[in-house]
């Protein structure tokens, strides 16, 4: 089955070694692993969980004076359907997973980000990927780009961190997102505007907020 661009609608496949896992050739894998703990001098199994692997990539903080560029990206996120601490159990008991998935999907403000089309990891590859993502997603040409830190979105499930790149905006042009990306508008925000968006819940992307902190951006 293919999408309108001729790419596989379901891009995940089994791993080559037959592990309990799925891999997406675009640079992602979801592998089931077992968490272990030392008890009385012996390693014992505790529970299994999914672990997500990604190709190396970057989150790009593009600045013009005191303003930072954010782009609207369409993400499969949304508010919870039900209140209460037993959210997941109730979704399962009430057979509402289809409704829960169908409820997701909204444009979210975030920093440009992505993974480069390569499996190498030198810093110049990260910088190159950052410049490419800034241009494609946000229509921004940046200079003085440098790696300023690393972020792991959620160490509970993500195996590796991604790099944070900071750069100075020198020109704006038309964005050229990839066919499989759904990108909205790009805007520059002052620290006051960023704080207002955070307070209203309009800016809640963890990678973006952490990257701004690593860059020393006060809002």
Protein backbone atom coordinates (compact mmCIF):
# COMPACT_ATOMS: atom_id res chain seq x y z
CA UNK A 1 0.00 0.00 0.00
CA UNK A 2 1.35 3.42 -0.99
CA UNK A 3 0.54 7.04 -0.20
CA UNK A 4 -0.14 9.79 -2.75
CA UNK A 5 3.61 10.30 -3.25
CA UNK A 6 4.27 6.67 -4.12
CA UNK A 7 5.99 5.94 -0.80
CA UNK A 8 4.95 3.00 1.40
CA UNK A 9 2.01 3.93 3.64
CA UNK A 10 3.37 1.54 6.24
CA UNK A 11 7.11 2.15 6.25
CA UNK A 12 7.98 -0.08 9.21
CA UNK A 13 9.34 -3.60 8.74
CA UNK A 14 10.86 -6.38 10.83
CA UNK A 15 14.54 -6.12 11.71
CA UNK A 16 17.08 -8.25 9.86
CA UNK A 17 17.90 -10.40 12.90
CA UNK A 18 14.29 -11.23 13.72
CA UNK A 19 14.29 -9.32 17.00
CA UNK A 20 11.02 -8.19 18.57
CA UNK A 21 11.27 -4.86 16.85
CA UNK A 22 10.33 -2.78 13.82
CA UNK A 23 12.59 -0.52 11.79
CA UNK A 24 11.78 2.40 9.50
CA UNK A 25 14.46 2.95 6.83
CA UNK A 26 13.97 6.71 7.18
CA UNK A 27 15.97 6.47 10.41
CA UNK A 28 13.89 5.06 13.25
CA UNK A 29 13.47 1.76 15.08
CA UNK A 30 11.28 0.57 17.95
CA UNK A 31 12.80 -2.36 19.84
CA UNK A 32 11.35 -4.20 22.82
CA UNK A 33 13.87 -4.63 25.62
CA UNK A 34 13.90 -5.92 29.19
CA UNK A 35 14.86 -3.60 32.07
CA UNK A 36 17.08 -5.38 34.61
CA UNK A 37 18.11 -4.57 38.18
CA UNK A 38 20.75 -5.84 40.59
CA UNK A 39 19.04 -7.62 43.50
CA UNK A 40 21.08 -9.41 46.17
CA UNK A 41 24.11 -9.48 43.91
CA UNK A 42 22.25 -10.91 40.93
CA UNK A 43 20.79 -9.23 37.84
CA UNK A 44 17.08 -9.95 37.58
CA UNK A 45 14.47 -9.08 34.97
CA UNK A 46 11.95 -6.40 35.99
CA UNK A 47 9.75 -5.58 33.00
CA UNK A 48 9.83 -5.10 29.26
CA UNK A 49 9.40 -1.82 27.45
CA UNK A 50 9.86 -0.31 23.98
CA UNK A 51 13.10 1.53 23.24
CA UNK A 52 13.20 3.98 20.33
CA UNK A 53 16.35 4.36 18.25
CA UNK A 54 16.90 7.31 15.87
CA UNK A 55 19.56 8.35 13.41
CA UNK A 56 21.66 11.23 14.67
CA UNK A 57 19.91 14.58 14.16
CA UNK A 58 19.64 18.17 15.32
CA UNK A 59 17.23 20.69 16.81
CA UNK A 60 17.94 24.15 15.37
CA UNK A 61 17.55 27.38 17.35
CA UNK A 62 17.58 30.22 14.81
CA UNK A 63 17.98 33.71 16.28
CA UNK A 64 17.68 37.27 15.00
CA UNK A 65 18.72 39.62 17.79
CA UNK A 66 16.48 38.68 20.75
CA UNK A 67 13.90 36.87 18.61
CA UNK A 68 13.76 33.14 17.95
CA UNK A 69 12.19 31.46 14.94
CA UNK A 70 9.50 28.84 15.51
CA UNK A 71 7.72 26.82 12.85
CA UNK A 72 4.30 25.18 12.93
CA UNK A 73 4.58 21.42 12.40
CA UNK A 74 1.62 19.06 12.26
CA UNK A 75 2.01 16.47 15.02
CA UNK A 76 -0.04 13.50 16.21
CA UNK A 77 -0.70 15.02 19.62
CA UNK A 78 -3.72 16.39 21.46
CA UNK A 79 -5.51 16.69 24.77
CA UNK A 80 -6.48 13.54 26.68
CA UNK A 81 -10.01 12.30 26.03
CA UNK A 82 -10.64 11.39 29.66
CA UNK A 83 -9.72 12.81 33.05
CA UNK A 84 -8.21 10.87 35.90
CA UNK A 85 -5.03 8.98 36.72
CA UNK A 86 -6.16 5.69 35.09
CA UNK A 87 -6.38 7.18 31.59
CA UNK A 88 -4.79 4.33 29.63
CA UNK A 89 -6.68 1.57 31.43
CA UNK A 90 -9.99 3.31 30.81
CA UNK A 91 -9.23 3.74 27.11
CA UNK A 92 -8.59 0.02 26.91
CA UNK A 93 -11.57 -1.03 29.03
CA UNK A 94 -13.90 1.22 27.04
CA UNK A 95 -12.39 0.17 23.67
CA UNK A 96 -11.70 3.77 22.66
CA UNK A 97 -8.27 3.45 21.03
CA UNK A 98 -9.63 4.28 17.59
CA UNK A 99 -11.26 7.40 18.98
CA UNK A 100 -8.08 8.30 20.87
CA UNK A 101 -5.92 8.07 17.74
CA UNK A 102 -8.50 9.91 15.63
CA UNK A 103 -8.54 12.69 18.21
CA UNK A 104 -4.85 13.46 17.63
CA UNK A 105 -3.44 15.89 15.09
CA UNK A 106 -2.68 19.59 15.51
CA UNK A 107 -0.13 22.18 14.39
CA UNK A 108 2.39 22.84 17.15
CA UNK A 109 5.00 25.60 17.41
CA UNK A 110 8.51 24.20 17.62
CA UNK A 111 12.11 24.71 16.55
CA UNK A 112 13.07 23.19 13.19
CA UNK A 113 14.56 19.73 13.58
CA UNK A 114 15.42 16.60 11.65
CA UNK A 115 17.89 13.86 10.88
CA UNK A 116 20.47 14.11 8.07
CA UNK A 117 20.40 11.74 5.09
CA UNK A 118 23.52 9.88 6.27
CA UNK A 119 24.69 7.50 8.98
CA UNK A 120 27.86 9.38 9.91
CA UNK A 121 28.17 11.59 12.98
CA UNK A 122 30.92 14.25 12.60
CA UNK A 123 29.99 17.73 13.77
CA UNK A 124 30.04 19.11 10.21
CA UNK A 125 27.28 16.64 9.31
CA UNK A 126 25.19 17.87 12.25
CA UNK A 127 25.76 21.50 11.25
CA UNK A 128 24.92 20.71 7.65
CA UNK A 129 21.72 18.97 8.69
CA UNK A 130 20.78 21.91 10.92
CA UNK A 131 21.23 24.40 8.09
CA UNK A 132 19.22 22.16 5.76
CA UNK A 133 16.34 21.75 8.22
CA UNK A 134 16.23 25.49 8.96
CA UNK A 135 16.01 26.19 5.23
CA UNK A 136 13.54 23.44 4.31
CA UNK A 137 11.16 23.71 7.27
CA UNK A 138 11.36 27.41 8.11
CA UNK A 139 12.81 29.08 4.99
CA UNK A 140 15.71 30.45 7.03
CA UNK A 141 19.34 30.76 6.01
CA UNK A 142 21.59 30.68 9.06
CA UNK A 143 25.26 31.37 9.70
CA UNK A 144 27.61 31.06 12.70
CA UNK A 145 25.95 27.71 13.39
CA UNK A 146 27.47 25.70 16.23
CA UNK A 147 26.63 22.69 18.37
CA UNK A 148 25.76 23.91 21.88
CA UNK A 149 24.53 20.73 23.57
CA UNK A 150 22.52 17.54 23.40
CA UNK A 151 18.94 16.58 24.36
CA UNK A 152 17.24 13.28 25.05
CA UNK A 153 13.52 13.85 24.53
CA UNK A 154 12.50 11.16 27.02
CA UNK A 155 15.18 8.83 28.45
CA UNK A 156 12.47 6.38 29.49
CA UNK A 157 11.93 5.40 25.86
CA UNK A 158 14.58 7.10 23.67
CA UNK A 159 17.98 5.39 23.48
CA UNK A 160 20.06 8.36 22.33
CA UNK A 161 20.20 12.17 22.54
CA UNK A 162 19.99 14.56 19.61
CA UNK A 163 22.15 17.63 19.07
CA UNK A 164 21.17 21.26 19.65
CA UNK A 165 22.49 23.74 17.09
CA UNK A 166 22.36 27.51 17.46
CA UNK A 167 22.63 29.85 14.49
CA UNK A 168 22.08 33.44 13.37
CA UNK A 169 19.41 34.21 10.79
CA UNK A 170 20.86 36.07 7.80
CA UNK A 171 18.08 35.67 5.23
CA UNK A 172 14.48 34.47 4.85
CA UNK A 173 13.02 32.67 1.87
CA UNK A 174 10.23 30.24 1.01
CA UNK A 175 10.26 27.02 3.02
CA UNK A 176 10.57 23.76 1.07
CA UNK A 177 9.48 20.92 3.36
CA UNK A 178 9.77 17.30 2.30
CA UNK A 179 6.71 15.65 0.78
CA UNK A 180 5.94 13.70 3.97
CA UNK A 181 6.19 16.77 6.22
CA UNK A 182 3.18 18.95 7.07
CA UNK A 183 4.51 22.43 7.82
CA UNK A 184 2.63 25.64 8.54
CA UNK A 185 3.95 29.16 8.94
CA UNK A 186 7.18 30.42 10.48
CA UNK A 187 7.32 33.41 12.83
CA UNK A 188 9.87 35.22 15.00
CA UNK A 189 9.03 35.55 18.68
CA UNK A 190 10.44 37.74 21.44
CA UNK A 191 11.09 36.29 24.91
CA UNK A 192 7.86 37.91 26.13
CA UNK A 193 5.85 36.23 23.36
CA UNK A 194 7.50 32.87 24.08
CA UNK A 195 6.61 33.13 27.77
CA UNK A 196 3.00 34.01 26.90
CA UNK A 197 2.76 30.99 24.58
CA UNK A 198 4.16 28.72 27.29
CA UNK A 199 1.70 30.08 29.84
CA UNK A 200 -1.23 29.49 27.45
CA UNK A 201 -0.08 25.96 26.63
CA UNK A 202 0.53 26.82 22.97
CA UNK A 203 4.24 26.03 23.22
CA UNK A 204 4.83 22.75 25.06
CA UNK A 205 7.30 20.91 22.86
CA UNK A 206 9.94 19.50 25.20
CA UNK A 207 12.75 19.51 22.64
CA UNK A 208 12.13 23.17 21.86
CA UNK A 209 11.96 24.31 25.48
CA UNK A 210 15.05 22.33 26.46
CA UNK A 211 17.00 23.57 23.43
CA UNK A 212 16.16 27.19 24.24
CA UNK A 213 17.42 26.61 27.77
CA UNK A 214 20.69 25.11 26.51
CA UNK A 215 21.11 28.16 24.27
CA UNK A 216 20.69 30.43 27.30
CA UNK A 217 17.52 31.97 25.90
CA UNK A 218 15.65 33.61 28.77
CA UNK A 219 11.87 33.89 28.45
